[in-house]
Amino acid sequence: MQILVTRPAGQQQALMDALQKAGYQAAHSPALVIEPLPVDGDTRRVLMDLDLFHAVFFASANAARLALTAMADLWPQWPVGVHWLAVGRATAAELEAWHLQGERPEQGFNSEAVLALPSLQDLTEKKVLICRGDSGRELLANTLTDRGAEVTALPFYRRLPNPHFQVPAGCDWIMVTSVDSWRALSDYVPAGCGIVAAGERVAEAVAGQFGGEIRVAASAHDEDMQSALPVVPEQT
Protein backbone atom coordinates (compact mmCIF):
# COMPACT_ATOMS: atom_id res chain seq x y z
CA MET A 1 0.00 0.00 0.00
CA GLN A 2 1.63 3.24 -1.15
CA ILE A 3 1.20 6.40 0.93
CA LEU A 4 2.13 9.92 -0.15
CA VAL A 5 3.30 12.25 2.62
CA THR A 6 2.82 15.92 1.67
CA ARG A 7 4.41 17.72 4.64
CA PRO A 8 6.87 20.54 3.80
CA ALA A 9 10.47 19.53 3.17
CA GLY A 10 12.30 18.74 6.39
CA GLN A 11 9.16 17.74 8.30
CA GLN A 12 8.42 14.39 6.70
CA GLN A 13 11.10 11.94 7.74
CA ALA A 14 9.76 10.72 11.09
CA LEU A 15 6.36 9.95 9.58
CA MET A 16 7.88 8.22 6.56
CA ASP A 17 10.09 6.09 8.78
CA ALA A 18 7.08 5.08 10.89
CA LEU A 19 5.08 4.19 7.80
CA GLN A 20 7.89 2.09 6.36
CA LYS A 21 8.31 0.28 9.68
CA ALA A 22 4.58 -0.51 9.71
CA GLY A 23 4.79 -2.08 6.25
CA TYR A 24 3.59 0.76 4.05
CA GLN A 25 5.45 2.13 1.03
CA ALA A 26 6.02 5.81 1.76
CA ALA A 27 6.78 8.55 -0.76
CA HIS A 28 7.18 12.29 -0.20
CA SER A 29 6.21 15.28 -2.29
CA PRO A 30 5.64 18.59 -0.46
CA ALA A 31 2.33 20.25 -1.26
CA LEU A 32 3.64 23.58 0.01
CA VAL A 33 6.91 25.46 0.05
CA ILE A 34 7.65 27.46 3.21
CA GLU A 35 9.18 30.83 2.33
CA PRO A 36 10.54 32.88 5.26
CA LEU A 37 9.54 36.54 5.32
CA PRO A 38 12.11 39.24 6.05
CA VAL A 39 12.13 40.59 9.60
CA ASP A 40 11.45 44.26 8.94
CA GLY A 41 11.72 47.25 11.24
CA ASP A 42 8.10 47.06 12.42
CA THR A 43 8.52 43.42 13.41
CA ARG A 44 11.77 44.13 15.22
CA ARG A 45 10.14 46.92 17.21
CA VAL A 46 7.44 44.53 18.41
CA LEU A 47 10.00 41.88 19.33
CA MET A 48 12.07 44.38 21.28
CA ASP A 49 9.07 44.77 23.60
CA LEU A 50 8.73 41.02 24.14
CA ASP A 51 8.85 41.42 27.91
CA LEU A 52 5.60 43.41 27.81
CA PHE A 53 3.59 40.46 26.53
CA HIS A 54 1.59 38.19 28.80
CA ALA A 55 1.75 35.35 26.25
CA VAL A 56 3.46 34.53 22.96
CA PHE A 57 1.73 31.92 20.80
CA PHE A 58 3.42 30.02 17.97
CA ALA A 59 0.97 28.70 15.39
CA SER A 60 3.32 26.08 13.92
CA ALA A 61 6.80 24.63 14.21
CA ASN A 62 7.86 26.85 11.30
CA ALA A 63 6.56 29.92 13.11
CA ALA A 64 8.44 28.93 16.26
CA ARG A 65 11.71 28.29 14.44
CA LEU A 66 11.68 31.54 12.47
CA ALA A 67 10.25 33.76 15.20
CA LEU A 68 12.61 32.49 17.90
CA THR A 69 15.58 32.97 15.60
CA ALA A 70 14.55 36.61 15.17
CA MET A 71 13.87 37.02 18.89
CA ALA A 72 17.23 35.55 19.88
CA ASP A 73 19.00 38.25 17.88
CA LEU A 74 17.40 40.83 20.20
CA TRP A 75 17.22 38.93 23.49
CA PRO A 76 20.46 37.29 24.70
CA GLN A 77 18.38 36.14 27.69
CA TRP A 78 14.68 35.33 27.41
CA PRO A 79 12.31 37.69 29.27
CA VAL A 80 10.74 36.27 32.42
CA GLY A 81 7.04 36.05 33.14
CA VAL A 82 6.00 35.32 29.53
CA HIS A 83 3.75 32.36 28.75
CA TRP A 84 5.20 30.58 25.70
CA LEU A 85 2.35 28.76 23.95
CA ALA A 86 2.64 26.02 21.32
CA VAL A 87 -0.11 24.57 19.16
CA GLY A 88 1.19 21.00 19.51
CA ARG A 89 4.12 18.70 20.24
CA ALA A 90 6.28 19.58 17.22
CA THR A 91 5.98 23.28 18.01
CA ALA A 92 6.69 22.66 21.69
CA ALA A 93 9.83 20.76 20.68
CA GLU A 94 11.05 23.87 18.84
CA LEU A 95 10.57 25.88 22.04
CA GLU A 96 12.49 23.29 24.04
CA ALA A 97 15.37 23.55 21.57
CA TRP A 98 15.60 27.21 22.60
CA HIS A 99 15.43 26.29 26.31
CA LEU A 100 11.88 27.55 26.71
CA GLN A 101 9.17 25.70 28.61
CA GLY A 102 6.17 25.73 26.32
CA GLU A 103 2.53 25.31 27.26
CA ARG A 104 0.43 23.29 24.83
CA PRO A 105 -2.93 21.53 24.69
CA GLU A 106 -2.96 17.90 25.79
CA GLN A 107 -5.23 17.10 22.88
CA GLY A 108 -6.93 18.87 19.99
CA PHE A 109 -3.86 20.70 18.68
CA ASN A 110 -5.85 23.54 17.10
CA SER A 111 -7.04 27.05 17.91
CA GLU A 112 -9.99 25.80 19.94
CA ALA A 113 -7.71 23.69 22.13
CA VAL A 114 -5.23 26.53 22.59
CA LEU A 115 -8.04 28.84 23.70
CA ALA A 116 -8.76 26.44 26.57
CA LEU A 117 -5.29 26.88 28.09
CA PRO A 118 -5.46 28.37 31.61
CA SER A 119 -3.11 31.25 30.75
CA LEU A 120 -5.53 32.54 28.09
CA GLN A 121 -8.65 32.87 30.24
CA ASP A 122 -8.23 36.20 32.08
CA LEU A 123 -6.78 38.60 29.53
CA THR A 124 -8.11 42.00 30.53
CA GLU A 125 -5.49 44.66 29.71
CA LYS A 126 -2.95 41.98 28.78
CA LYS A 127 -0.95 41.74 25.56
CA VAL A 128 -0.72 38.58 23.44
CA LEU A 129 1.61 38.05 20.49
CA ILE A 130 0.73 35.56 17.76
CA CYS A 131 3.60 34.30 15.57
CA ARG A 132 2.25 32.66 12.43
CA GLY A 133 2.31 32.46 8.65
CA ASP A 134 0.87 35.15 6.43
CA SER A 135 -2.54 33.44 6.29
CA GLY A 136 -4.69 31.31 8.53
CA ARG A 137 -7.72 31.28 10.78
CA GLU A 138 -8.64 34.41 12.71
CA LEU A 139 -10.53 32.53 15.43
CA LEU A 140 -7.68 32.74 17.94
CA ALA A 141 -7.01 36.47 17.52
CA ASN A 142 -10.70 37.37 17.51
CA THR A 143 -11.47 35.32 20.62
CA LEU A 144 -8.48 36.68 22.53
CA THR A 145 -9.59 40.22 21.66
CA ASP A 146 -13.09 39.41 22.91
CA ARG A 147 -11.51 38.28 26.19
CA GLY A 148 -9.93 41.69 26.64
CA ALA A 149 -6.45 41.12 25.22
CA GLU A 150 -4.48 43.49 23.03
CA VAL A 151 -3.47 41.12 20.23
CA THR A 152 -0.55 41.56 17.83
CA ALA A 153 -0.08 39.06 14.98
CA LEU A 154 3.24 38.84 13.15
CA PRO A 155 3.79 36.76 9.99
CA PHE A 156 7.16 35.04 9.69
CA TYR A 157 6.62 32.97 6.54
CA ARG A 158 4.31 32.39 3.63
CA ARG A 159 3.04 29.10 2.24
CA LEU A 160 3.30 28.71 -1.52
CA PRO A 161 2.07 25.82 -3.69
CA ASN A 162 4.97 23.58 -4.66
CA PRO A 163 5.31 23.85 -8.47
CA HIS A 164 7.04 20.47 -8.51
CA PHE A 165 4.37 18.56 -6.60
CA GLN A 166 3.52 15.20 -8.09
CA VAL A 167 1.67 12.05 -7.09
CA PRO A 168 3.61 8.84 -7.78
CA ALA A 169 2.02 6.16 -9.93
CA GLY A 170 0.16 3.59 -7.89
CA CYS A 171 -0.48 5.89 -4.94
CA ASP A 172 -3.27 4.56 -2.69
CA TRP A 173 -3.55 7.34 -0.06
CA ILE A 174 -2.47 10.96 0.15
CA MET A 175 -1.95 12.49 3.59
CA VAL A 176 -3.24 16.08 3.83
CA THR A 177 -2.33 17.99 6.99
CA SER A 178 -3.82 21.45 6.34
CA VAL A 179 -6.45 23.25 4.31
CA ASP A 180 -3.71 25.14 2.44
CA SER A 181 -2.07 21.82 1.53
CA TRP A 182 -5.34 20.52 0.14
CA ARG A 183 -5.87 23.63 -1.96
CA ALA A 184 -2.38 23.22 -3.40
CA LEU A 185 -2.75 19.55 -4.37
CA SER A 186 -6.47 19.04 -4.98
CA ASP A 187 -6.14 19.15 -8.76
CA TYR A 188 -3.56 16.36 -8.75
CA VAL A 189 -5.40 13.55 -6.94
CA PRO A 190 -5.71 10.55 -9.29
CA ALA A 191 -8.84 8.45 -9.57
CA GLY A 192 -9.05 5.71 -7.00
CA CYS A 193 -6.73 7.43 -4.52
CA GLY A 194 -8.03 8.15 -1.02
CA ILE A 195 -7.29 11.08 1.30
CA VAL A 196 -6.25 11.00 4.95
CA ALA A 197 -7.23 14.40 6.38
CA ALA A 198 -5.77 15.84 9.57
CA GLY A 199 -8.90 16.63 11.55
CA GLU A 200 -12.49 17.55 10.78
CA ARG A 201 -11.76 21.03 9.42
CA VAL A 202 -9.35 19.68 6.81
CA ALA A 203 -11.76 16.84 6.00
CA GLU A 204 -14.57 19.33 5.38
CA ALA A 205 -12.39 21.24 2.92
CA VAL A 206 -11.49 18.01 1.12
CA ALA A 207 -15.10 16.81 1.00
CA GLY A 208 -16.14 20.04 -0.68
CA GLN A 209 -14.12 19.12 -3.80
CA PHE A 210 -13.40 15.41 -3.58
CA GLY A 211 -15.80 12.52 -4.09
CA GLY A 212 -13.45 9.68 -3.14
CA GLU A 213 -12.80 8.01 0.19
CA ILE A 214 -11.76 10.29 3.04
CA ARG A 215 -10.37 9.08 6.36
CA VAL A 216 -10.24 11.59 9.20
CA ALA A 217 -7.23 11.52 11.53
CA ALA A 218 -7.58 12.78 15.10
CA SER A 219 -4.82 15.35 14.44
CA ALA A 220 -1.87 16.10 12.19
CA HIS A 221 0.52 14.26 14.51
CA ASP A 222 2.38 11.38 12.91
CA GLU A 223 0.78 8.63 14.98
CA ASP A 224 -2.74 9.94 14.37
CA MET A 225 -2.20 10.22 10.61
CA GLN A 226 -0.84 6.68 10.50
CA SER A 227 -3.66 5.31 12.66
CA ALA A 228 -6.23 6.62 10.17
CA LEU A 229 -4.85 4.44 7.37
CA PRO A 230 -6.23 1.03 6.46
CA VAL A 231 -4.17 -1.74 8.02
CA VAL A 232 -1.54 -3.22 5.73
CA PRO A 233 -2.78 -6.68 4.61
CA GLU A 234 -0.70 -9.51 6.00
CA GLN A 235 1.49 -11.25 3.47
CA THR A 236 0.60 -14.89 2.83
C-alpha atoms as a PDB file:
ATOM      1  CA  MET A   1       0.000   0.000   0.000  1.00  0.00           C
ATOM      2  CA  GLN A   2       1.626   3.236  -1.153  1.00  0.00           C
ATOM      3  CA  ILE A   3       1.204   6.398   0.928  1.00  0.00           C
ATOM      4  CA  LEU A   4       2.125   9.920  -0.151  1.00  0.00           C
ATOM      5  CA  VAL A   5       3.302  12.250   2.617  1.00  0.00           C
ATOM      6  CA  THR A   6       2.819  15.920   1.670  1.00  0.00           C
ATOM      7  CA  ARG A   7       4.413  17.723   4.635  1.00  0.00           C
ATOM      8  CA  PRO A   8       6.870  20.540   3.804  1.00  0.00           C
ATOM      9  CA  ALA A   9      10.468  19.530   3.167  1.00  0.00           C
ATOM     10  CA  GLY A  10      12.300  18.737   6.386  1.00  0.00           C
ATOM     11  CA  GLN A  11       9.161  17.739   8.301  1.00  0.00           C
ATOM     12  CA  GLN A  12       8.416  14.388   6.697  1.00  0.00           C
ATOM     13  CA  GLN A  13      11.098  11.939   7.738  1.00  0.00           C
ATOM     14  CA  ALA A  14       9.764  10.721  11.092  1.00  0.00           C
ATOM     15  CA  LEU A  15       6.364   9.954   9.575  1.00  0.00           C
ATOM     16  CA  MET A  16       7.885   8.224   6.559  1.00  0.00           C
ATOM     17  CA  ASP A  17      10.095   6.086   8.784  1.00  0.00           C
ATOM     18  CA  ALA A  18       7.084   5.075  10.890  1.00  0.00           C
ATOM     19  CA  LEU A  19       5.075   4.186   7.797  1.00  0.00           C
ATOM     20  CA  GLN A  20       7.886   2.086   6.359  1.00  0.00           C
ATOM     21  CA  LYS A  21       8.313   0.283   9.680  1.00  0.00           C
ATOM     22  CA  ALA A  22       4.584  -0.514   9.708  1.00  0.00           C
ATOM     23  CA  GLY A  23       4.795  -2.084   6.255  1.00  0.00           C
ATOM     24  CA  TYR A  24       3.593   0.755   4.047  1.00  0.00           C
ATOM     25  CA  GLN A  25       5.449   2.130   1.032  1.00  0.00           C
ATOM     26  CA  ALA A  26       6.021   5.811   1.759  1.00  0.00           C
ATOM     27  CA  ALA A  27       6.777   8.549  -0.759  1.00  0.00           C
ATOM     28  CA  HIS A  28       7.176  12.286  -0.198  1.00  0.00           C
ATOM     29  CA  SER A  29       6.206  15.275  -2.293  1.00  0.00           C
ATOM     30  CA  PRO A  30       5.642  18.587  -0.462  1.00  0.00           C
ATOM     31  CA  ALA A  31       2.330  20.253  -1.257  1.00  0.00           C
ATOM     32  CA  LEU A  32       3.638  23.583   0.010  1.00  0.00           C
ATOM     33  CA  VAL A  33       6.915  25.461   0.047  1.00  0.00           C
ATOM     34  CA  ILE A  34       7.652  27.456   3.206  1.00  0.00           C
ATOM     35  CA  GLU A  35       9.182  30.827   2.328  1.00  0.00           C
ATOM     36  CA  PRO A  36      10.536  32.878   5.262  1.00  0.00           C
ATOM     37  CA  LEU A  37       9.536  36.540   5.320  1.00  0.00           C
ATOM     38  CA  PRO A  38      12.107  39.245   6.047  1.00  0.00           C
ATOM     39  CA  VAL A  39      12.125  40.586   9.596  1.00  0.00           C
ATOM     40  CA  ASP A  40      11.446  44.262   8.943  1.00  0.00           C
ATOM     41  CA  GLY A  41      11.715  47.254  11.242  1.00  0.00           C
ATOM     42  CA  ASP A  42       8.104  47.057  12.425  1.00  0.00           C
ATOM     43  CA  THR A  43       8.523  43.417  13.408  1.00  0.00           C
ATOM     44  CA  ARG A  44      11.774  44.130  15.216  1.00  0.00           C
ATOM     45  CA  ARG A  45      10.137  46.919  17.207  1.00  0.00           C
ATOM     46  CA  VAL A  46       7.440  44.527  18.408  1.00  0.00           C
ATOM     47  CA  LEU A  47       9.999  41.879  19.327  1.00  0.00           C
ATOM     48  CA  MET A  48      12.074  44.384  21.279  1.00  0.00           C
ATOM     49  CA  ASP A  49       9.066  44.765  23.597  1.00  0.00           C
ATOM     50  CA  LEU A  50       8.730  41.020  24.139  1.00  0.00           C
ATOM     51  CA  ASP A  51       8.851  41.422  27.906  1.00  0.00           C
ATOM     52  CA  LEU A  52       5.605  43.409  27.810  1.00  0.00           C
ATOM     53  CA  PHE A  53       3.585  40.457  26.527  1.00  0.00           C
ATOM     54  CA  HIS A  54       1.595  38.186  28.796  1.00  0.00           C
ATOM     55  CA  ALA A  55       1.755  35.350  26.249  1.00  0.00           C
ATOM     56  CA  VAL A  56       3.460  34.531  22.956  1.00  0.00           C
ATOM     57  CA  PHE A  57       1.731  31.923  20.799  1.00  0.00           C
ATOM     58  CA  PHE A  58       3.423  30.020  17.972  1.00  0.00           C
ATOM     59  CA  ALA A  59       0.970  28.696  15.388  1.00  0.00           C
ATOM     60  CA  SER A  60       3.325  26.076  13.920  1.00  0.00           C
ATOM     61  CA  ALA A  61       6.803  24.631  14.207  1.00  0.00           C
ATOM     62  CA  ASN A  62       7.858  26.852  11.295  1.00  0.00           C
ATOM     63  CA  ALA A  63       6.562  29.923  13.110  1.00  0.00           C
ATOM     64  CA  ALA A  64       8.444  28.935  16.255  1.00  0.00           C
ATOM     65  CA  ARG A  65      11.715  28.286  14.435  1.00  0.00           C
ATOM     66  CA  LEU A  66      11.677  31.535  12.467  1.00  0.00           C
ATOM     67  CA  ALA A  67      10.255  33.763  15.199  1.00  0.00           C
ATOM     68  CA  LEU A  68      12.608  32.490  17.898  1.00  0.00           C
ATOM     69  CA  THR A  69      15.582  32.971  15.597  1.00  0.00           C
ATOM     70  CA  ALA A  70      14.546  36.611  15.166  1.00  0.00           C
ATOM     71  CA  MET A  71      13.872  37.025  18.892  1.00  0.00           C
ATOM     72  CA  ALA A  72      17.229  35.549  19.877  1.00  0.00           C
ATOM     73  CA  ASP A  73      19.001  38.250  17.883  1.00  0.00           C
ATOM     74  CA  LEU A  74      17.404  40.831  20.197  1.00  0.00           C
ATOM     75  CA  TRP A  75      17.220  38.930  23.487  1.00  0.00           C
ATOM     76  CA  PRO A  76      20.461  37.286  24.701  1.00  0.00           C
ATOM     77  CA  GLN A  77      18.378  36.135  27.689  1.00  0.00           C
ATOM     78  CA  TRP A  78      14.677  35.330  27.405  1.00  0.00           C
ATOM     79  CA  PRO A  79      12.313  37.686  29.267  1.00  0.00           C
ATOM     80  CA  VAL A  80      10.740  36.273  32.422  1.00  0.00           C
ATOM     81  CA  GLY A  81       7.045  36.054  33.137  1.00  0.00           C
ATOM     82  CA  VAL A  82       6.004  35.323  29.535  1.00  0.00           C
ATOM     83  CA  HIS A  83       3.747  32.357  28.755  1.00  0.00           C
ATOM     84  CA  TRP A  84       5.204  30.580  25.698  1.00  0.00           C
ATOM     85  CA  LEU A  85       2.354  28.763  23.952  1.00  0.00           C
ATOM     86  CA  ALA A  86       2.639  26.024  21.316  1.00  0.00           C
ATOM     87  CA  VAL A  87      -0.113  24.568  19.164  1.00  0.00           C
ATOM     88  CA  GLY A  88       1.193  21.001  19.508  1.00  0.00           C
ATOM     89  CA  ARG A  89       4.124  18.704  20.237  1.00  0.00           C
ATOM     90  CA  ALA A  90       6.285  19.583  17.223  1.00  0.00           C
ATOM     91  CA  THR A  91       5.982  23.285  18.010  1.00  0.00           C
ATOM     92  CA  ALA A  92       6.691  22.664  21.686  1.00  0.00           C
ATOM     93  CA  ALA A  93       9.828  20.762  20.676  1.00  0.00           C
ATOM     94  CA  GLU A  94      11.049  23.868  18.840  1.00  0.00           C
ATOM     95  CA  LEU A  95      10.573  25.875  22.042  1.00  0.00           C
ATOM     96  CA  GLU A  96      12.494  23.286  24.038  1.00  0.00           C
ATOM     97  CA  ALA A  97      15.372  23.552  21.567  1.00  0.00           C
ATOM     98  CA  TRP A  98      15.602  27.211  22.598  1.00  0.00           C
ATOM     99  CA  HIS A  99      15.429  26.289  26.314  1.00  0.00           C
ATOM    100  CA  LEU A 100      11.878  27.548  26.713  1.00  0.00           C
ATOM    101  CA  GLN A 101       9.175  25.705  28.608  1.00  0.00           C
ATOM    102  CA  GLY A 102       6.168  25.725  26.320  1.00  0.00           C
ATOM    103  CA  GLU A 103       2.530  25.309  27.259  1.00  0.00           C
ATOM    104  CA  ARG A 104       0.431  23.288  24.829  1.00  0.00           C
ATOM    105  CA  PRO A 105      -2.933  21.527  24.687  1.00  0.00           C
ATOM    106  CA  GLU A 106      -2.955  17.903  25.795  1.00  0.00           C
ATOM    107  CA  GLN A 107      -5.228  17.103  22.876  1.00  0.00           C
ATOM    108  CA  GLY A 108      -6.930  18.867  19.986  1.00  0.00           C
ATOM    109  CA  PHE A 109      -3.856  20.702  18.683  1.00  0.00           C
ATOM    110  CA  ASN A 110      -5.850  23.542  17.096  1.00  0.00           C
ATOM    111  CA  SER A 111      -7.041  27.050  17.910  1.00  0.00           C
ATOM    112  CA  GLU A 112      -9.991  25.796  19.943  1.00  0.00           C
ATOM    113  CA  ALA A 113      -7.713  23.685  22.135  1.00  0.00           C
ATOM    114  CA  VAL A 114      -5.231  26.532  22.591  1.00  0.00           C
ATOM    115  CA  LEU A 115      -8.038  28.839  23.703  1.00  0.00           C
ATOM    116  CA  ALA A 116      -8.760  26.438  26.575  1.00  0.00           C
ATOM    117  CA  LEU A 117      -5.286  26.877  28.086  1.00  0.00           C
ATOM    118  CA  PRO A 118      -5.459  28.373  31.606  1.00  0.00           C
ATOM    119  CA  SER A 119      -3.112  31.248  30.754  1.00  0.00           C
ATOM    120  CA  LEU A 120      -5.528  32.537  28.088  1.00  0.00           C
ATOM    121  CA  GLN A 121      -8.646  32.872  30.240  1.00  0.00           C
ATOM    122  CA  ASP A 122      -8.228  36.204  32.082  1.00  0.00           C
ATOM    123  CA  LEU A 123      -6.778  38.603  29.530  1.00  0.00           C
ATOM    124  CA  THR A 124      -8.113  42.000  30.534  1.00  0.00           C
ATOM    125  CA  GLU A 125      -5.492  44.659  29.712  1.00  0.00           C
ATOM    126  CA  LYS A 126      -2.946  41.978  28.777  1.00  0.00           C
ATOM    127  CA  LYS A 127      -0.955  41.742  25.556  1.00  0.00           C
ATOM    128  CA  VAL A 128      -0.722  38.580  23.439  1.00  0.00           C
ATOM    129  CA  LEU A 129       1.615  38.048  20.491  1.00  0.00           C
ATOM    130  CA  ILE A 130       0.734  35.556  17.757  1.00  0.00           C
ATOM    131  CA  CYS A 131       3.598  34.304  15.571  1.00  0.00           C
ATOM    132  CA  ARG A 132       2.246  32.665  12.430  1.00  0.00           C
ATOM    133  CA  GLY A 133       2.311  32.457   8.651  1.00  0.00           C
ATOM    134  CA  ASP A 134       0.867  35.148   6.431  1.00  0.00           C
ATOM    135  CA  SER A 135      -2.536  33.439   6.291  1.00  0.00           C
ATOM    136  CA  GLY A 136      -4.694  31.311   8.527  1.00  0.00           C
ATOM    137  CA  ARG A 137      -7.718  31.279  10.779  1.00  0.00           C
ATOM    138  CA  GLU A 138      -8.637  34.413  12.714  1.00  0.00           C
ATOM    139  CA  LEU A 139     -10.526  32.530  15.430  1.00  0.00           C
ATOM    140  CA  LEU A 140      -7.682  32.739  17.936  1.00  0.00           C
ATOM    141  CA  ALA A 141      -7.005  36.468  17.517  1.00  0.00           C
ATOM    142  CA  ASN A 142     -10.696  37.373  17.511  1.00  0.00           C
ATOM    143  CA  THR A 143     -11.471  35.324  20.616  1.00  0.00           C
ATOM    144  CA  LEU A 144      -8.482  36.684  22.532  1.00  0.00           C
ATOM    145  CA  THR A 145      -9.586  40.216  21.662  1.00  0.00           C
ATOM    146  CA  ASP A 146     -13.090  39.409  22.907  1.00  0.00           C
ATOM    147  CA  ARG A 147     -11.514  38.285  26.185  1.00  0.00           C
ATOM    148  CA  GLY A 148      -9.931  41.687  26.639  1.00  0.00           C
ATOM    149  CA  ALA A 149      -6.451  41.124  25.219  1.00  0.00           C
ATOM    150  CA  GLU A 150      -4.485  43.493  23.025  1.00  0.00           C
ATOM    151  CA  VAL A 151      -3.469  41.122  20.227  1.00  0.00           C
ATOM    152  CA  THR A 152      -0.552  41.558  17.825  1.00  0.00           C
ATOM    153  CA  ALA A 153      -0.076  39.064  14.978  1.00  0.00           C
ATOM    154  CA  LEU A 154       3.245  38.843  13.153  1.00  0.00           C
ATOM    155  CA  PRO A 155       3.793  36.761   9.993  1.00  0.00           C
ATOM    156  CA  PHE A 156       7.159  35.037   9.685  1.00  0.00           C
ATOM    157  CA  TYR A 157       6.624  32.971   6.538  1.00  0.00           C
ATOM    158  CA  ARG A 158       4.311  32.390   3.631  1.00  0.00           C
ATOM    159  CA  ARG A 159       3.044  29.096   2.238  1.00  0.00           C
ATOM    160  CA  LEU A 160       3.304  28.711  -1.524  1.00  0.00           C
ATOM    161  CA  PRO A 161       2.074  25.818  -3.687  1.00  0.00           C
ATOM    162  CA  ASN A 162       4.966  23.581  -4.659  1.00  0.00           C
ATOM    163  CA  PRO A 163       5.305  23.854  -8.474  1.00  0.00           C
ATOM    164  CA  HIS A 164       7.044  20.472  -8.513  1.00  0.00           C
ATOM    165  CA  PHE A 165       4.375  18.560  -6.602  1.00  0.00           C
ATOM    166  CA  GLN A 166       3.519  15.195  -8.094  1.00  0.00           C
ATOM    167  CA  VAL A 167       1.674  12.054  -7.091  1.00  0.00           C
ATOM    168  CA  PRO A 168       3.607   8.839  -7.781  1.00  0.00           C
ATOM    169  CA  ALA A 169       2.016   6.164  -9.928  1.00  0.00           C
ATOM    170  CA  GLY A 170       0.156   3.586  -7.894  1.00  0.00           C
ATOM    171  CA  CYS A 171      -0.477   5.887  -4.942  1.00  0.00           C
ATOM    172  CA  ASP A 172      -3.268   4.563  -2.691  1.00  0.00           C
ATOM    173  CA  TRP A 173      -3.548   7.337  -0.064  1.00  0.00           C
ATOM    174  CA  ILE A 174      -2.471  10.964   0.148  1.00  0.00           C
ATOM    175  CA  MET A 175      -1.948  12.494   3.592  1.00  0.00           C
ATOM    176  CA  VAL A 176      -3.236  16.079   3.830  1.00  0.00           C
ATOM    177  CA  THR A 177      -2.330  17.990   6.985  1.00  0.00           C
ATOM    178  CA  SER A 178      -3.818  21.449   6.338  1.00  0.00           C
ATOM    179  CA  VAL A 179      -6.447  23.246   4.306  1.00  0.00           C
ATOM    180  CA  ASP A 180      -3.711  25.135   2.444  1.00  0.00           C
ATOM    181  CA  SER A 181      -2.067  21.823   1.525  1.00  0.00           C
ATOM    182  CA  TRP A 182      -5.343  20.516   0.142  1.00  0.00           C
ATOM    183  CA  ARG A 183      -5.868  23.629  -1.959  1.00  0.00           C
ATOM    184  CA  ALA A 184      -2.382  23.220  -3.404  1.00  0.00           C
ATOM    185  CA  LEU A 185      -2.749  19.553  -4.366  1.00  0.00           C
ATOM    186  CA  SER A 186      -6.474  19.039  -4.975  1.00  0.00           C
ATOM    187  CA  ASP A 187      -6.142  19.147  -8.760  1.00  0.00           C
ATOM    188  CA  TYR A 188      -3.561  16.362  -8.750  1.00  0.00           C
ATOM    189  CA  VAL A 189      -5.399  13.549  -6.939  1.00  0.00           C
ATOM    190  CA  PRO A 190      -5.706  10.555  -9.291  1.00  0.00           C
ATOM    191  CA  ALA A 191      -8.843   8.454  -9.570  1.00  0.00           C
ATOM    192  CA  GLY A 192      -9.053   5.710  -7.002  1.00  0.00           C
ATOM    193  CA  CYS A 193      -6.730   7.428  -4.523  1.00  0.00           C
ATOM    194  CA  GLY A 194      -8.033   8.152  -1.020  1.00  0.00           C
ATOM    195  CA  ILE A 195      -7.293  11.076   1.301  1.00  0.00           C
ATOM    196  CA  VAL A 196      -6.248  10.997   4.950  1.00  0.00           C
ATOM    197  CA  ALA A 197      -7.235  14.395   6.378  1.00  0.00           C
ATOM    198  CA  ALA A 198      -5.768  15.844   9.567  1.00  0.00           C
ATOM    199  CA  GLY A 199      -8.904  16.626  11.555  1.00  0.00           C
ATOM    200  CA  GLU A 200     -12.488  17.546  10.778  1.00  0.00           C
ATOM    201  CA  ARG A 201     -11.761  21.026   9.424  1.00  0.00           C
ATOM    202  CA  VAL A 202      -9.351  19.682   6.806  1.00  0.00           C
ATOM    203  CA  ALA A 203     -11.764  16.837   5.999  1.00  0.00           C
ATOM    204  CA  GLU A 204     -14.572  19.330   5.380  1.00  0.00           C
ATOM    205  CA  ALA A 205     -12.390  21.244   2.917  1.00  0.00           C
ATOM    206  CA  VAL A 206     -11.485  18.008   1.124  1.00  0.00           C
ATOM    207  CA  ALA A 207     -15.096  16.809   1.001  1.00  0.00           C
ATOM    208  CA  GLY A 208     -16.136  20.040  -0.685  1.00  0.00           C
ATOM    209  CA  GLN A 209     -14.118  19.122  -3.798  1.00  0.00           C
ATOM    210  CA  PHE A 210     -13.403  15.407  -3.577  1.00  0.00           C
ATOM    211  CA  GLY A 211     -15.798  12.516  -4.089  1.00  0.00           C
ATOM    212  CA  GLY A 212     -13.455   9.682  -3.142  1.00  0.00           C
ATOM    213  CA  GLU A 213     -12.799   8.014   0.189  1.00  0.00           C
ATOM    214  CA  ILE A 214     -11.755  10.293   3.044  1.00  0.00           C
ATOM    215  CA  ARG A 215     -10.371   9.076   6.359  1.00  0.00           C
ATOM    216  CA  VAL A 216     -10.241  11.592   9.203  1.00  0.00           C
ATOM    217  CA  ALA A 217      -7.228  11.521  11.531  1.00  0.00           C
ATOM    218  CA  ALA A 218      -7.576  12.779  15.099  1.00  0.00           C
ATOM    219  CA  SER A 219      -4.819  15.346  14.444  1.00  0.00           C
ATOM    220  CA  ALA A 220      -1.872  16.101  12.186  1.00  0.00           C
ATOM    221  CA  HIS A 221       0.515  14.257  14.507  1.00  0.00           C
ATOM    222  CA  ASP A 222       2.376  11.379  12.910  1.00  0.00           C
ATOM    223  CA  GLU A 223       0.778   8.629  14.982  1.00  0.00           C
ATOM    224  CA  ASP A 224      -2.743   9.945  14.365  1.00  0.00           C
ATOM    225  CA  MET A 225      -2.196  10.219  10.615  1.00  0.00           C
ATOM    226  CA  GLN A 226      -0.841   6.681  10.500  1.00  0.00           C
ATOM    227  CA  SER A 227      -3.664   5.309  12.663  1.00  0.00           C
ATOM    228  CA  ALA A 228      -6.234   6.617  10.174  1.00  0.00           C
ATOM    229  CA  LEU A 229      -4.853   4.442   7.367  1.00  0.00           C
ATOM    230  CA  PRO A 230      -6.231   1.034   6.463  1.00  0.00           C
ATOM    231  CA  VAL A 231      -4.172  -1.737   8.016  1.00  0.00           C
ATOM    232  CA  VAL A 232      -1.544  -3.224   5.733  1.00  0.00           C
ATOM    233  CA  PRO A 233      -2.782  -6.681   4.611  1.00  0.00           C
ATOM    234  CA  GLU A 234      -0.698  -9.513   5.998  1.00  0.00           C
ATOM    235  CA  GLN A 235       1.489 -11.247   3.467  1.00  0.00           C
ATOM    236  CA  THR A 236       0.601 -14.889   2.826  1.00  0.00           C
END
